[in-house]
Amino acid sequence: MQYTLEEIKNILKEEVLINRLELDDVEASDISDDENLFDEDGLALDSVEALDIITGISEIFQVDTNSLTQEEINNNFKSVNDIASFIANNQ
């Protein structure tokens, strides 16, 4: 199924970030599309949570993430906008 960029962002926030990572005290509206998810000013996620995000987008969006390099992860998984663009380009 092809999703619009806005649909991807909404699913990413609700299903991957909040539900999958069990961020019970965070609302989707609290997550800025361009904030760095791994900075202290953002959600302060760690490398284990990064793997959960990658697994989640693979399962939900049917995106092949098996061959991602560390550089690709660093470049494409910093923010909701980055991740959504990666998904949109690889649907």
PDB file of N, CA and C in Angstrom:
ATOM      1  N   MET A   1       0.839  -1.187   0.000  1.00  0.00           N
ATOM      2  CA  MET A   1       0.000   0.000   0.000  1.00  0.00           C
ATOM      3  C   MET A   1       0.881   1.247   0.000  1.00  0.00           C
ATOM      4  N   GLN A   2       0.530   2.205  -0.801  1.00  0.00           N
ATOM      5  CA  GLN A   2       1.249   3.470  -0.855  1.00  0.00           C
ATOM      6  C   GLN A   2       0.614   4.447   0.131  1.00  0.00           C
ATOM      7  N   TYR A   3       1.430   5.056   0.936  1.00  0.00           N
ATOM      8  CA  TYR A   3       0.972   6.042   1.907  1.00  0.00           C
ATOM      9  C   TYR A   3       1.467   7.422   1.501  1.00  0.00           C
ATOM     10  N   THR A   4       0.685   8.460   1.836  1.00  0.00           N
ATOM     11  CA  THR A   4       1.165   9.826   1.646  1.00  0.00           C
ATOM     12  C   THR A   4       2.183  10.127   2.739  1.00  0.00           C
ATOM     13  N   LEU A   5       2.938  11.189   2.554  1.00  0.00           N
ATOM     14  CA  LEU A   5       3.941  11.572   3.542  1.00  0.00           C
ATOM     15  C   LEU A   5       3.290  11.875   4.890  1.00  0.00           C
ATOM     16  N   GLU A   6       2.149  12.539   4.882  1.00  0.00           N
ATOM     17  CA  GLU A   6       1.452  12.857   6.140  1.00  0.00           C
ATOM     18  C   GLU A   6       0.953  11.590   6.830  1.00  0.00           C
ATOM     19  N   GLU A   7       0.433  10.645   6.063  1.00  0.00           N
ATOM     20  CA  GLU A   7      -0.002   9.368   6.645  1.00  0.00           C
ATOM     21  C   GLU A   7       1.184   8.637   7.264  1.00  0.00           C
ATOM     22  N   ILE A   8       2.306   8.652   6.574  1.00  0.00           N
ATOM     23  CA  ILE A   8       3.506   7.995   7.095  1.00  0.00           C
ATOM     24  C   ILE A   8       3.911   8.627   8.422  1.00  0.00           C
ATOM     25  N   LYS A   9       3.930   9.948   8.484  1.00  0.00           N
ATOM     26  CA  LYS A   9       4.323  10.644   9.718  1.00  0.00           C
ATOM     27  C   LYS A   9       3.386  10.293  10.866  1.00  0.00           C
ATOM     28  N   ASN A  10       2.087  10.280  10.599  1.00  0.00           N
ATOM     29  CA  ASN A  10       1.119   9.957  11.652  1.00  0.00           C
ATOM     30  C   ASN A  10       1.281   8.529  12.146  1.00  0.00           C
ATOM     31  N   ILE A  11       1.415   7.584  11.232  1.00  0.00           N
ATOM     32  CA  ILE A  11       1.606   6.181  11.612  1.00  0.00           C
ATOM     33  C   ILE A  11       2.927   6.015  12.345  1.00  0.00           C
ATOM     34  N   LEU A  12       3.948   6.675  11.859  1.00  0.00           N
ATOM     35  CA  LEU A  12       5.265   6.605  12.482  1.00  0.00           C
ATOM     36  C   LEU A  12       5.213   7.086  13.930  1.00  0.00           C
ATOM     37  N   LYS A  13       4.566   8.212  14.154  1.00  0.00           N
ATOM     38  CA  LYS A  13       4.468   8.752  15.517  1.00  0.00           C
ATOM     39  C   LYS A  13       3.645   7.838  16.420  1.00  0.00           C
ATOM     40  N   GLU A  14       2.450   7.458  15.962  1.00  0.00           N
ATOM     41  CA  GLU A  14       1.530   6.680  16.798  1.00  0.00           C
ATOM     42  C   GLU A  14       1.969   5.230  16.976  1.00  0.00           C
ATOM     43  N   GLU A  15       2.185   4.547  15.866  1.00  0.00           N
ATOM     44  CA  GLU A  15       2.423   3.103  15.919  1.00  0.00           C
ATOM     45  C   GLU A  15       3.860   2.725  16.251  1.00  0.00           C
ATOM     46  N   VAL A  16       4.809   3.456  15.683  1.00  0.00           N
ATOM     47  CA  VAL A  16       6.210   3.079  15.879  1.00  0.00           C
ATOM     48  C   VAL A  16       6.781   3.751  17.121  1.00  0.00           C
ATOM     49  N   LEU A  17       6.727   5.070  17.174  1.00  0.00           N
ATOM     50  CA  LEU A  17       7.370   5.762  18.287  1.00  0.00           C
ATOM     51  C   LEU A  17       6.615   5.587  19.604  1.00  0.00           C
ATOM     52  N   ILE A  18       5.338   5.884  19.617  1.00  0.00           N
ATOM     53  CA  ILE A  18       4.601   5.857  20.883  1.00  0.00           C
ATOM     54  C   ILE A  18       4.254   4.435  21.310  1.00  0.00           C
ATOM     55  N   ASN A  19       3.604   3.661  20.442  1.00  0.00           N
ATOM     56  CA  ASN A  19       3.167   2.314  20.836  1.00  0.00           C
ATOM     57  C   ASN A  19       4.309   1.312  20.919  1.00  0.00           C
ATOM     58  N   ARG A  20       5.105   1.225  19.879  1.00  0.00           N
ATOM     59  CA  ARG A  20       6.169   0.215  19.847  1.00  0.00           C
ATOM     60  C   ARG A  20       7.243   0.486  20.899  1.00  0.00           C
ATOM     61  N   LEU A  21       7.593   1.764  21.084  1.00  0.00           N
ATOM     62  CA  LEU A  21       8.615   2.112  22.070  1.00  0.00           C
ATOM     63  C   LEU A  21       8.031   2.343  23.460  1.00  0.00           C
ATOM     64  N   GLU A  22       6.709   2.204  23.563  1.00  0.00           N
ATOM     65  CA  GLU A  22       5.993   2.345  24.833  1.00  0.00           C
ATOM     66  C   GLU A  22       6.277   3.690  25.504  1.00  0.00           C
ATOM     67  N   LEU A  23       6.152   4.752  24.710  1.00  0.00           N
ATOM     68  CA  LEU A  23       6.331   6.109  25.226  1.00  0.00           C
ATOM     69  C   LEU A  23       4.985   6.612  25.736  1.00  0.00           C
ATOM     70  N   ASP A  24       4.553   6.058  26.847  1.00  0.00           N
ATOM     71  CA  ASP A  24       3.211   6.306  27.372  1.00  0.00           C
ATOM     72  C   ASP A  24       2.955   7.759  27.753  1.00  0.00           C
ATOM     73  N   ASP A  25       3.991   8.496  28.095  1.00  0.00           N
ATOM     74  CA  ASP A  25       3.813   9.879  28.530  1.00  0.00           C
ATOM     75  C   ASP A  25       3.961  10.892  27.388  1.00  0.00           C
ATOM     76  N   VAL A  26       3.988  10.398  26.152  1.00  0.00           N
ATOM     77  CA  VAL A  26       4.177  11.264  24.983  1.00  0.00           C
ATOM     78  C   VAL A  26       2.953  11.169  24.080  1.00  0.00           C
ATOM     79  N   GLU A  27       2.499  12.319  23.602  1.00  0.00           N
ATOM     80  CA  GLU A  27       1.420  12.396  22.620  1.00  0.00           C
ATOM     81  C   GLU A  27       2.040  12.652  21.246  1.00  0.00           C
ATOM     82  N   ALA A  28       1.371  12.227  20.201  1.00  0.00           N
ATOM     83  CA  ALA A  28       1.879  12.450  18.844  1.00  0.00           C
ATOM     84  C   ALA A  28       2.116  13.933  18.585  1.00  0.00           C
ATOM     85  N   SER A  29       1.251  14.776  19.115  1.00  0.00           N
ATOM     86  CA  SER A  29       1.393  16.223  18.909  1.00  0.00           C
ATOM     87  C   SER A  29       2.617  16.795  19.619  1.00  0.00           C
ATOM     88  N   ASP A  30       3.175  16.051  20.577  1.00  0.00           N
ATOM     89  CA  ASP A  30       4.385  16.486  21.280  1.00  0.00           C
ATOM     90  C   ASP A  30       5.647  16.262  20.453  1.00  0.00           C
ATOM     91  N   ILE A  31       5.555  15.434  19.425  1.00  0.00           N
ATOM     92  CA  ILE A  31       6.725  15.068  18.630  1.00  0.00           C
ATOM     93  C   ILE A  31       6.790  15.960  17.393  1.00  0.00           C
ATOM     94  N   SER A  32       7.790  16.819  17.355  1.00  0.00           N
ATOM     95  CA  SER A  32       7.998  17.697  16.204  1.00  0.00           C
ATOM     96  C   SER A  32       8.557  16.881  15.047  1.00  0.00           C
ATOM     97  N   ASP A  33       8.108  17.197  13.852  1.00  0.00           N
ATOM     98  CA  ASP A  33       8.557  16.450  12.676  1.00  0.00           C
ATOM     99  C   ASP A  33      10.047  16.600  12.407  1.00  0.00           C
ATOM    100  N   ASP A  34      10.634  17.707  12.848  1.00  0.00           N
ATOM    101  CA  ASP A  34      12.040  17.947  12.526  1.00  0.00           C
ATOM    102  C   ASP A  34      12.992  17.869  13.717  1.00  0.00           C
ATOM    103  N   GLU A  35      12.499  17.528  14.905  1.00  0.00           N
ATOM    104  CA  GLU A  35      13.405  17.410  16.053  1.00  0.00           C
ATOM    105  C   GLU A  35      14.226  16.131  15.955  1.00  0.00           C
ATOM    106  N   ASN A  36      15.458  16.204  16.424  1.00  0.00           N
ATOM    107  CA  ASN A  36      16.320  15.032  16.446  1.00  0.00           C
ATOM    108  C   ASN A  36      15.827  14.108  17.557  1.00  0.00           C
ATOM    109  N   LEU A  37      15.380  12.928  17.174  1.00  0.00           N
ATOM    110  CA  LEU A  37      14.786  11.987  18.126  1.00  0.00           C
ATOM    111  C   LEU A  37      15.789  11.451  19.140  1.00  0.00           C
ATOM    112  N   PHE A  38      17.077  11.598  18.854  1.00  0.00           N
ATOM    113  CA  PHE A  38      18.109  11.022  19.705  1.00  0.00           C
ATOM    114  C   PHE A  38      18.800  12.050  20.590  1.00  0.00           C
ATOM    115  N   ASP A  39      18.515  13.333  20.399  1.00  0.00           N
ATOM    116  CA  ASP A  39      19.074  14.391  21.240  1.00  0.00           C
ATOM    117  C   ASP A  39      18.312  14.482  22.555  1.00  0.00           C
ATOM    118  N   GLU A  40      18.980  15.032  23.553  1.00  0.00           N
ATOM    119  CA  GLU A  40      18.329  15.263  24.845  1.00  0.00           C
ATOM    120  C   GLU A  40      17.151  16.223  24.707  1.00  0.00           C
ATOM    121  N   ASP A  41      17.229  17.138  23.749  1.00  0.00           N
ATOM    122  CA  ASP A  41      16.127  18.082  23.521  1.00  0.00           C
ATOM    123  C   ASP A  41      14.949  17.432  22.808  1.00  0.00           C
ATOM    124  N   GLY A  42      15.184  16.264  22.207  1.00  0.00           N
ATOM    125  CA  GLY A  42      14.121  15.517  21.535  1.00  0.00           C
ATOM    126  C   GLY A  42      13.581  14.455  22.475  1.00  0.00           C
ATOM    127  N   LEU A  43      13.430  13.240  21.979  1.00  0.00           N
ATOM    128  CA  LEU A  43      12.934  12.136  22.805  1.00  0.00           C
ATOM    129  C   LEU A  43      14.053  11.406  23.536  1.00  0.00           C
ATOM    130  N   ALA A  44      15.298  11.741  23.224  1.00  0.00           N
ATOM    131  CA  ALA A  44      16.477  11.117  23.854  1.00  0.00           C
ATOM    132  C   ALA A  44      16.470   9.598  23.683  1.00  0.00           C
ATOM    133  N   LEU A  45      16.159   9.151  22.472  1.00  0.00           N
ATOM    134  CA  LEU A  45      16.143   7.719  22.189  1.00  0.00           C
ATOM    135  C   LEU A  45      17.567   7.191  22.125  1.00  0.00           C
ATOM    136  N   ASP A  46      17.706   5.876  22.302  1.00  0.00           N
ATOM    137  CA  ASP A  46      19.030   5.261  22.252  1.00  0.00           C
ATOM    138  C   ASP A  46      19.115   4.274  21.084  1.00  0.00           C
ATOM    139  N   SER A  47      20.244   3.585  20.976  1.00  0.00           N
ATOM    140  CA  SER A  47      20.485   2.696  19.834  1.00  0.00           C
ATOM    141  C   SER A  47      19.550   1.492  19.816  1.00  0.00           C
ATOM    142  N   VAL A  48      19.145   1.005  20.971  1.00  0.00           N
ATOM    143  CA  VAL A  48      18.199  -0.115  21.024  1.00  0.00           C
ATOM    144  C   VAL A  48      16.849   0.335  20.469  1.00  0.00           C
ATOM    145  N   GLU A  49      16.439   1.527  20.833  1.00  0.00           N
ATOM    146  CA  GLU A  49      15.181   2.063  20.316  1.00  0.00           C
ATOM    147  C   GLU A  49      15.280   2.343  18.815  1.00  0.00           C
ATOM    148  N   ALA A  50      16.465   2.704  18.343  1.00  0.00           N
ATOM    149  CA  ALA A  50      16.663   2.884  16.900  1.00  0.00           C
ATOM    150  C   ALA A  50      16.404   1.575  16.167  1.00  0.00           C
ATOM    151  N   LEU A  51      16.878   0.476  16.729  1.00  0.00           N
ATOM    152  CA  LEU A  51      16.619  -0.837  16.121  1.00  0.00           C
ATOM    153  C   LEU A  51      15.135  -1.168  16.132  1.00  0.00           C
ATOM    154  N   ASP A  52      14.436  -0.812  17.214  1.00  0.00           N
ATOM    155  CA  ASP A  52      12.987  -1.018  17.275  1.00  0.00           C
ATOM    156  C   ASP A  52      12.271  -0.202  16.203  1.00  0.00           C
ATOM    157  N   ILE A  53      12.735   1.015  15.959  1.00  0.00           N
ATOM    158  CA  ILE A  53      12.149   1.852  14.911  1.00  0.00           C
ATOM    159  C   ILE A  53      12.345   1.196  13.554  1.00  0.00           C
ATOM    160  N   ILE A  54      13.551   0.738  13.289  1.00  0.00           N
ATOM    161  CA  ILE A  54      13.857   0.098  12.005  1.00  0.00           C
ATOM    162  C   ILE A  54      13.007  -1.146  11.804  1.00  0.00           C
ATOM    163  N   THR A  55      12.888  -1.970  12.839  1.00  0.00           N
ATOM    164  CA  THR A  55      12.055  -3.171  12.762  1.00  0.00           C
ATOM    165  C   THR A  55      10.594  -2.794  12.539  1.00  0.00           C
ATOM    166  N   GLY A  56      10.130  -1.777  13.248  1.00  0.00           N
ATOM    167  CA  GLY A  56       8.747  -1.329  13.117  1.00  0.00           C
ATOM    168  C   GLY A  56       8.406  -0.842  11.726  1.00  0.00           C
ATOM    169  N   ILE A  57       9.279  -0.031  11.133  1.00  0.00           N
ATOM    170  CA  ILE A  57       8.969   0.463   9.789  1.00  0.00           C
ATOM    171  C   ILE A  57       9.042  -0.658   8.763  1.00  0.00           C
ATOM    172  N   SER A  58       9.905  -1.615   9.004  1.00  0.00           N
ATOM    173  CA  SER A  58       9.989  -2.770   8.109  1.00  0.00           C
ATOM    174  C   SER A  58       8.688  -3.559   8.134  1.00  0.00           C
ATOM    175  N   GLU A  59       8.161  -3.791   9.335  1.00  0.00           N
ATOM    176  CA  GLU A  59       6.928  -4.569   9.488  1.00  0.00           C
ATOM    177  C   GLU A  59       5.697  -3.805   9.011  1.00  0.00           C
ATOM    178  N   ILE A  60       5.564  -2.561   9.407  1.00  0.00           N
ATOM    179  CA  ILE A  60       4.356  -1.790   9.109  1.00  0.00           C
ATOM    180  C   ILE A  60       4.301  -1.342   7.650  1.00  0.00           C
ATOM    181  N   PHE A  61       5.421  -0.847   7.140  1.00  0.00           N
ATOM    182  CA  PHE A  61       5.438  -0.263   5.799  1.00  0.00           C
ATOM    183  C   PHE A  61       6.014  -1.196   4.740  1.00  0.00           C
ATOM    184  N   GLN A  62       6.414  -2.400   5.144  1.00  0.00           N
ATOM    185  CA  GLN A  62       6.981  -3.378   4.210  1.00  0.00           C
ATOM    186  C   GLN A  62       8.194  -2.811   3.464  1.00  0.00           C
ATOM    187  N   VAL A  63       9.032  -2.087   4.197  1.00  0.00           N
ATOM    188  CA  VAL A  63      10.246  -1.504   3.642  1.00  0.00           C
ATOM    189  C   VAL A  63      11.408  -2.427   3.987  1.00  0.00           C
ATOM    190  N   ASP A  64      12.236  -2.737   3.002  1.00  0.00           N
ATOM    191  CA  ASP A  64      13.397  -3.593   3.241  1.00  0.00           C
ATOM    192  C   ASP A  64      14.479  -2.791   3.956  1.00  0.00           C
ATOM    193  N   THR A  65      14.775  -3.184   5.183  1.00  0.00           N
ATOM    194  CA  THR A  65      15.795  -2.497   5.976  1.00  0.00           C
ATOM    195  C   THR A  65      16.996  -3.394   6.261  1.00  0.00           C
ATOM    196  N   ASN A  66      17.007  -4.592   5.710  1.00  0.00           N
ATOM    197  CA  ASN A  66      18.063  -5.560   6.018  1.00  0.00           C
ATOM    198  C   ASN A  66      19.448  -5.122   5.569  1.00  0.00           C
ATOM    199  N   SER A  67      19.536  -4.372   4.503  1.00  0.00           N
ATOM    200  CA  SER A  67      20.848  -4.015   3.963  1.00  0.00           C
ATOM    201  C   SER A  67      21.297  -2.601   4.334  1.00  0.00           C
ATOM    202  N   LEU A  68      20.616  -1.977   5.299  1.00  0.00           N
ATOM    203  CA  LEU A  68      20.999  -0.622   5.696  1.00  0.00           C
ATOM    204  C   LEU A  68      22.388  -0.607   6.326  1.00  0.00           C
ATOM    205  N   THR A  69      23.190   0.364   5.923  1.00  0.00           N
ATOM    206  CA  THR A  69      24.497   0.551   6.547  1.00  0.00           C
ATOM    207  C   THR A  69      24.349   1.514   7.723  1.00  0.00           C
ATOM    208  N   GLN A  70      25.353   1.573   8.564  1.00  0.00           N
ATOM    209  CA  GLN A  70      25.324   2.506   9.691  1.00  0.00           C
ATOM    210  C   GLN A  70      25.215   3.946   9.195  1.00  0.00           C
ATOM    211  N   GLU A  71      25.892   4.252   8.105  1.00  0.00           N
ATOM    212  CA  GLU A  71      25.828   5.600   7.536  1.00  0.00           C
ATOM    213  C   GLU A  71      24.409   5.936   7.072  1.00  0.00           C
ATOM    214  N   GLU A  72      23.739   4.984   6.431  1.00  0.00           N
ATOM    215  CA  GLU A  72      22.352   5.205   5.990  1.00  0.00           C
ATOM    216  C   GLU A  72      21.429   5.406   7.184  1.00  0.00           C
ATOM    217  N   ILE A  73      21.642   4.649   8.231  1.00  0.00           N
ATOM    218  CA  ILE A  73      20.836   4.813   9.443  1.00  0.00           C
ATOM    219  C   ILE A  73      21.075   6.197  10.032  1.00  0.00           C
ATOM    220  N   ASN A  74      22.335   6.594  10.157  1.00  0.00           N
ATOM    221  CA  ASN A  74      22.661   7.914  10.709  1.00  0.00           C
ATOM    222  C   ASN A  74      22.065   9.045   9.881  1.00  0.00           C
ATOM    223  N   ASN A  75      22.034   8.883   8.568  1.00  0.00           N
ATOM    224  CA  ASN A  75      21.535   9.938   7.681  1.00  0.00           C
ATOM    225  C   ASN A  75      20.019   9.967   7.547  1.00  0.00           C
ATOM    226  N   ASN A  76      19.353   8.828   7.720  1.00  0.00           N
ATOM    227  CA  ASN A  76      17.919   8.732   7.423  1.00  0.00           C
ATOM    228  C   ASN A  76      17.002   8.541   8.623  1.00  0.00           C
ATOM    229  N   PHE A  77      17.554   8.487   9.817  1.00  0.00           N
ATOM    230  CA  PHE A  77      16.716   8.153  10.965  1.00  0.00           C
ATOM    231  C   PHE A  77      16.852   9.133  12.123  1.00  0.00           C
ATOM    232  N   LYS A  78      17.160  10.394  11.830  1.00  0.00           N
ATOM    233  CA  LYS A  78      17.329  11.388  12.891  1.00  0.00           C
ATOM    234  C   LYS A  78      16.006  11.974  13.368  1.00  0.00           C
ATOM    235  N   SER A  79      15.100  12.209  12.443  1.00  0.00           N
ATOM    236  CA  SER A  79      13.839  12.882  12.774  1.00  0.00           C
ATOM    237  C   SER A  79      12.671  12.173  12.098  1.00  0.00           C
ATOM    238  N   VAL A  80      11.473  12.556  12.480  1.00  0.00           N
ATOM    239  CA  VAL A  80      10.274  12.012  11.843  1.00  0.00           C
ATOM    240  C   VAL A  80      10.301  12.334  10.350  1.00  0.00           C
ATOM    241  N   ASN A  81      10.687  13.559   9.991  1.00  0.00           N
ATOM    242  CA  ASN A  81      10.770  13.928   8.570  1.00  0.00           C
ATOM    243  C   ASN A  81      11.750  13.039   7.819  1.00  0.00           C
ATOM    244  N   ASP A  82      12.926  12.794   8.416  1.00  0.00           N
ATOM    245  CA  ASP A  82      13.933  11.939   7.772  1.00  0.00           C
ATOM    246  C   ASP A  82      13.406  10.525   7.555  1.00  0.00           C
ATOM    247  N   ILE A  83      12.815   9.964   8.599  1.00  0.00           N
ATOM    248  CA  ILE A  83      12.321   8.582   8.522  1.00  0.00           C
ATOM    249  C   ILE A  83      11.173   8.489   7.521  1.00  0.00           C
ATOM    250  N   ALA A  84      10.259   9.459   7.568  1.00  0.00           N
ATOM    251  CA  ALA A  84       9.116   9.457   6.649  1.00  0.00           C
ATOM    252  C   ALA A  84       9.582   9.559   5.196  1.00  0.00           C
ATOM    253  N   SER A  85      10.574  10.381   4.934  1.00  0.00           N
ATOM    254  CA  SER A  85      11.119  10.498   3.572  1.00  0.00           C
ATOM    255  C   SER A  85      11.754   9.189   3.131  1.00  0.00           C
ATOM    256  N   PHE A  86      12.489   8.549   4.033  1.00  0.00           N
ATOM    257  CA  PHE A  86      13.095   7.254   3.722  1.00  0.00           C
ATOM    258  C   PHE A  86      12.013   6.239   3.355  1.00  0.00           C
ATOM    259  N   ILE A  87      10.949   6.186   4.153  1.00  0.00           N
ATOM    260  CA  ILE A  87       9.857   5.245   3.892  1.00  0.00           C
ATOM    261  C   ILE A  87       9.199   5.564   2.552  1.00  0.00           C
ATOM    262  N   ALA A  88       8.875   6.839   2.320  1.00  0.00           N
ATOM    263  CA  ALA A  88       8.212   7.245   1.073  1.00  0.00           C
ATOM    264  C   ALA A  88       9.055   6.888  -0.148  1.00  0.00           C
ATOM    265  N   ASN A  89      10.356   7.035  -0.036  1.00  0.00           N
ATOM    266  CA  ASN A  89      11.250   6.740  -1.160  1.00  0.00           C
ATOM    267  C   ASN A  89      11.488   5.250  -1.359  1.00  0.00           C
ATOM    268  N   ASN A  90      11.094   4.433  -0.384  1.00  0.00           N
ATOM    269  CA  ASN A  90      11.369   2.994  -0.459  1.00  0.00           C
ATOM    270  C   ASN A  90      10.119   2.125  -0.399  1.00  0.00           C
ATOM    271  N   GLN A  91       8.942   2.726  -0.573  1.00  0.00           N
ATOM    272  CA  GLN A  91       7.690   1.956  -0.564  1.00  0.00           C
ATOM    273  C   GLN A  91       7.596   1.084  -1.792  1.00  0.00           C
TER     274      GLN A  91
END
